[in-house]
Amino acid sequence: MEFEVLPGTPGLTLDQVVHVLVPGHGRNHDASGLTPGGADRCRTALALHTFLDRGVVVCSGYKSPADRKGTLRQVAGETFQGVPEADLMRAWLLSAGADPAVLRVERHSVDTVTNLLRAEHEGHFGDDRPVAVVSQRAHLRRILAVIAPRTLRRPYLGVVAPGGAPHENPLAAPVSRLITAALPADPPAAIAAATHRAARLWHLAGLLGKRSYY
């Protein structure tokens, strides 16, 4: 299988990549399953991990602050509103034949910035080797240009999942720049600051009528 690669860290090539990171794409109408775009990311991530035959697949995401779907439920000893995106991605990957030993779940992030921050700084990869971020093309462009340089401490590149709009909302990149601006050097403080900023910006977006990310 051939993969479409978008450059990240200068000089990094796909044959040097070890790990795979899949940011969440949202949840279905009752927060019990993935969106089609999320399933496409998982399908690409599984094919990529099979091709690489090494490393782990980190599934990252809870829900957007604007997402009010789902009933309260217990997951891994914690209470969530609906099933976290990361657990839905893990379930999809397991149903498609993934080895559970290579799957990692980060179930607390609320946007793309915190997807990458938490995946990087909470030890989900287990080492500092290179990662491929899997997402749709427009989302990947923002990740590679704005977010990854400010959140990842390892070499990275992007692998394109099918589908998605050709362009993101023009506010997406400025919002990511606001969330990542002058984050504290201390990882827990950076995660807390980014989470707080994302929640406030989503609250403002909600007041202006925006209810969903995609």
Protein backbone atom coordinates (compact mmCIF):
# COMPACT_ATOMS: atom_id res chain seq x y z
CA MET A 1 0.00 0.00 0.00
CA GLU A 2 1.24 3.49 -0.83
CA PHE A 3 0.86 6.33 1.63
CA GLU A 4 0.68 10.03 0.89
CA VAL A 5 3.19 11.73 3.15
CA LEU A 6 3.26 15.41 4.08
CA PRO A 7 6.62 16.69 5.33
CA GLY A 8 7.17 17.75 8.92
CA THR A 9 10.60 17.58 10.51
CA PRO A 10 13.13 18.36 7.74
CA GLY A 11 14.73 15.22 6.34
CA LEU A 12 12.43 12.73 8.09
CA THR A 13 11.17 9.96 5.80
CA LEU A 14 8.48 7.35 6.32
CA ASP A 15 10.99 4.52 6.64
CA GLN A 16 12.37 6.28 9.75
CA VAL A 17 8.99 6.56 11.47
CA VAL A 18 8.28 4.25 14.41
CA HIS A 19 4.96 5.34 15.96
CA VAL A 20 1.52 6.41 14.72
CA LEU A 21 -0.67 9.11 16.27
CA VAL A 22 -4.37 9.38 15.45
CA PRO A 23 -6.12 12.57 16.67
CA GLY A 24 -9.87 12.32 17.19
CA HIS A 25 -12.34 13.37 14.51
CA GLY A 26 -15.43 13.61 16.69
CA ARG A 27 -18.19 11.18 17.62
CA ASN A 28 -21.48 10.12 16.07
CA HIS A 29 -24.94 11.41 17.04
CA ASP A 30 -25.08 9.70 20.45
CA ALA A 31 -21.33 9.53 21.22
CA SER A 32 -21.30 5.75 20.88
CA GLY A 33 -19.27 5.50 17.65
CA LEU A 34 -16.88 7.27 15.32
CA THR A 35 -17.67 9.68 12.53
CA PRO A 36 -16.88 8.39 9.01
CA GLY A 37 -13.81 10.64 8.99
CA GLY A 38 -12.63 9.09 12.24
CA ALA A 39 -13.03 5.60 10.80
CA ASP A 40 -11.00 6.67 7.76
CA ARG A 41 -8.20 7.84 10.06
CA CYS A 42 -8.24 4.53 11.91
CA ARG A 43 -8.20 2.54 8.67
CA THR A 44 -5.17 4.48 7.43
CA ALA A 45 -3.44 4.23 10.81
CA LEU A 46 -3.86 0.46 10.95
CA ALA A 47 -2.55 0.04 7.40
CA LEU A 48 0.40 2.28 8.22
CA HIS A 49 1.25 0.44 11.43
CA THR A 50 1.05 -2.89 9.61
CA PHE A 51 3.41 -1.52 6.96
CA LEU A 52 5.87 -0.17 9.54
CA ASP A 53 5.61 -3.31 11.70
CA ARG A 54 6.93 -1.54 14.80
CA GLY A 55 6.02 1.00 17.46
CA VAL A 56 2.61 1.84 18.88
CA VAL A 57 -0.60 3.48 17.71
CA VAL A 58 -1.71 6.28 20.03
CA CYS A 59 -5.43 7.09 19.82
CA SER A 60 -5.95 10.58 21.20
CA GLY A 61 -9.11 12.44 22.19
CA TYR A 62 -12.09 12.76 24.54
CA LYS A 63 -14.48 15.22 22.89
CA SER A 64 -14.69 18.83 21.83
CA PRO A 65 -15.88 21.23 24.55
CA ALA A 66 -18.81 21.93 22.22
CA ASP A 67 -19.83 18.25 22.16
CA ARG A 68 -22.71 17.66 24.59
CA LYS A 69 -23.69 14.25 23.21
CA GLY A 70 -23.93 11.02 25.14
CA THR A 71 -24.93 9.89 28.61
CA LEU A 72 -22.60 9.65 31.59
CA ARG A 73 -20.67 6.39 31.71
CA GLN A 74 -17.69 4.83 33.42
CA VAL A 75 -14.60 4.20 31.30
CA ALA A 76 -11.40 2.91 32.92
CA GLY A 77 -12.64 4.01 36.33
CA GLU A 78 -13.52 7.57 35.29
CA THR A 79 -16.78 9.26 34.37
CA PHE A 80 -17.17 10.61 30.84
CA GLN A 81 -20.03 12.04 28.83
CA GLY A 82 -20.39 9.37 26.18
CA VAL A 83 -17.47 7.22 25.07
CA PRO A 84 -14.18 9.12 24.60
CA GLU A 85 -12.99 9.35 21.00
CA ALA A 86 -9.79 7.48 21.87
CA ASP A 87 -11.70 4.47 23.19
CA LEU A 88 -13.93 4.47 20.12
CA MET A 89 -10.85 4.47 17.90
CA ARG A 90 -9.28 1.65 19.90
CA ALA A 91 -12.49 -0.39 19.58
CA TRP A 92 -12.55 0.22 15.82
CA LEU A 93 -8.92 -0.86 15.48
CA LEU A 94 -9.47 -3.99 17.56
CA SER A 95 -12.49 -4.93 15.44
CA ALA A 96 -10.29 -4.55 12.34
CA GLY A 97 -7.68 -6.95 13.73
CA ALA A 98 -5.17 -4.68 15.46
CA ASP A 99 -2.98 -6.18 18.17
CA PRO A 100 -4.21 -4.76 21.50
CA ALA A 101 -0.62 -4.75 22.78
CA VAL A 102 0.33 -1.93 20.38
CA LEU A 103 -2.65 0.35 21.07
CA ARG A 104 -2.41 3.28 23.47
CA VAL A 105 -5.36 5.41 24.62
CA GLU A 106 -5.21 9.11 25.55
CA ARG A 107 -8.78 9.94 26.53
CA HIS A 108 -8.63 13.44 28.06
CA SER A 109 -7.69 15.90 25.29
CA VAL A 110 -10.32 18.30 23.95
CA ASP A 111 -8.82 19.62 20.69
CA THR A 112 -5.94 18.99 18.32
CA VAL A 113 -3.43 20.98 20.38
CA THR A 114 -4.15 18.96 23.50
CA ASN A 115 -4.24 15.74 21.41
CA LEU A 116 -0.57 16.25 20.61
CA LEU A 117 0.44 17.72 23.97
CA ARG A 118 -1.02 14.88 26.01
CA ALA A 119 0.15 12.16 23.63
CA GLU A 120 3.68 13.54 23.82
CA HIS A 121 4.02 14.51 27.45
CA GLU A 122 1.99 11.82 29.23
CA GLY A 123 4.24 8.96 28.09
CA HIS A 124 1.90 7.28 25.61
CA PHE A 125 4.66 6.62 23.05
CA GLY A 126 7.09 5.24 25.62
CA ASP A 127 10.17 6.75 23.94
CA ASP A 128 11.22 9.70 21.78
CA ARG A 129 11.33 8.03 18.35
CA PRO A 130 9.65 9.59 15.27
CA VAL A 131 5.90 9.62 14.76
CA ALA A 132 3.51 9.85 11.82
CA VAL A 133 0.35 11.85 12.49
CA VAL A 134 -2.64 10.47 10.55
CA SER A 135 -5.43 12.83 9.54
CA GLN A 136 -7.18 14.34 6.54
CA ARG A 137 -5.12 16.65 4.36
CA ALA A 138 -6.44 20.07 5.45
CA HIS A 139 -6.24 19.16 9.13
CA LEU A 140 -2.73 17.78 8.66
CA ARG A 141 -1.54 21.01 7.07
CA ARG A 142 -2.51 22.90 10.22
CA ILE A 143 -1.02 20.25 12.49
CA LEU A 144 2.32 20.26 10.68
CA ALA A 145 2.56 24.02 10.22
CA VAL A 146 1.16 25.31 13.51
CA ILE A 147 0.67 22.67 16.20
CA ALA A 148 3.34 19.97 15.99
CA PRO A 149 6.30 22.39 16.11
CA ARG A 150 4.92 23.77 19.39
CA THR A 151 3.84 20.51 21.03
CA LEU A 152 5.94 17.53 19.90
CA ARG A 153 9.47 16.86 21.11
CA ARG A 154 10.22 14.17 18.55
CA PRO A 155 10.60 14.10 14.75
CA TYR A 156 7.23 13.98 12.96
CA LEU A 157 5.57 13.91 9.57
CA GLY A 158 2.00 13.50 8.32
CA VAL A 159 0.21 10.67 6.53
CA VAL A 160 -2.98 11.60 4.71
CA ALA A 161 -6.25 9.81 5.43
CA PRO A 162 -8.90 9.92 2.70
CA GLY A 163 -11.82 12.32 2.65
CA GLY A 164 -12.29 15.61 4.37
CA ALA A 165 -12.94 19.08 3.00
CA PRO A 166 -10.19 20.58 0.83
CA HIS A 167 -9.86 23.51 3.24
CA GLU A 168 -10.53 24.02 6.95
CA ASN A 169 -12.51 26.87 8.40
CA PRO A 170 -10.24 29.92 8.04
CA LEU A 171 -10.46 30.48 11.80
CA ALA A 172 -8.96 27.07 12.63
CA ALA A 173 -5.31 28.03 12.20
CA PRO A 174 -5.55 31.36 14.10
CA VAL A 175 -7.35 29.57 16.95
CA SER A 176 -4.58 26.96 17.12
CA ARG A 177 -2.00 29.74 17.19
CA LEU A 178 -3.83 31.36 20.10
CA ILE A 179 -3.98 28.09 22.01
CA THR A 180 -0.29 27.32 21.47
CA ALA A 181 1.02 30.86 22.00
CA ALA A 182 3.63 31.12 24.78
CA LEU A 183 2.63 27.89 26.49
CA PRO A 184 4.54 27.16 29.70
CA ALA A 185 7.63 24.99 29.37
CA ASP A 186 6.39 22.68 32.13
CA PRO A 187 4.28 19.97 30.40
CA PRO A 188 1.43 19.72 32.97
CA ALA A 189 1.15 23.51 33.03
CA ALA A 190 1.15 23.61 29.20
CA ILE A 191 -1.61 21.00 29.04
CA ALA A 192 -3.69 22.87 31.61
CA ALA A 193 -3.23 26.20 29.83
CA ALA A 194 -4.06 24.79 26.40
CA THR A 195 -7.15 22.99 27.74
CA HIS A 196 -8.39 26.18 29.41
CA ARG A 197 -7.81 28.24 26.26
CA ALA A 198 -9.56 25.67 24.06
CA ALA A 199 -12.60 25.60 26.36
CA ARG A 200 -12.84 29.40 26.41
CA LEU A 201 -12.51 29.68 22.64
CA TRP A 202 -15.14 26.98 22.10
CA HIS A 203 -17.46 28.82 24.50
CA LEU A 204 -17.00 31.97 22.45
CA ALA A 205 -17.60 30.04 19.22
CA GLY A 206 -20.80 28.63 20.72
CA LEU A 207 -22.03 32.12 21.55
CA LEU A 208 -21.42 33.00 17.91
CA GLY A 209 -23.45 30.00 16.75
CA LYS A 210 -20.82 27.35 16.02
CA ARG A 211 -21.82 23.99 17.46
CA SER A 212 -19.44 21.48 15.88
CA TYR A 213 -15.85 21.33 14.73
CA TYR A 214 -16.41 19.66 11.36
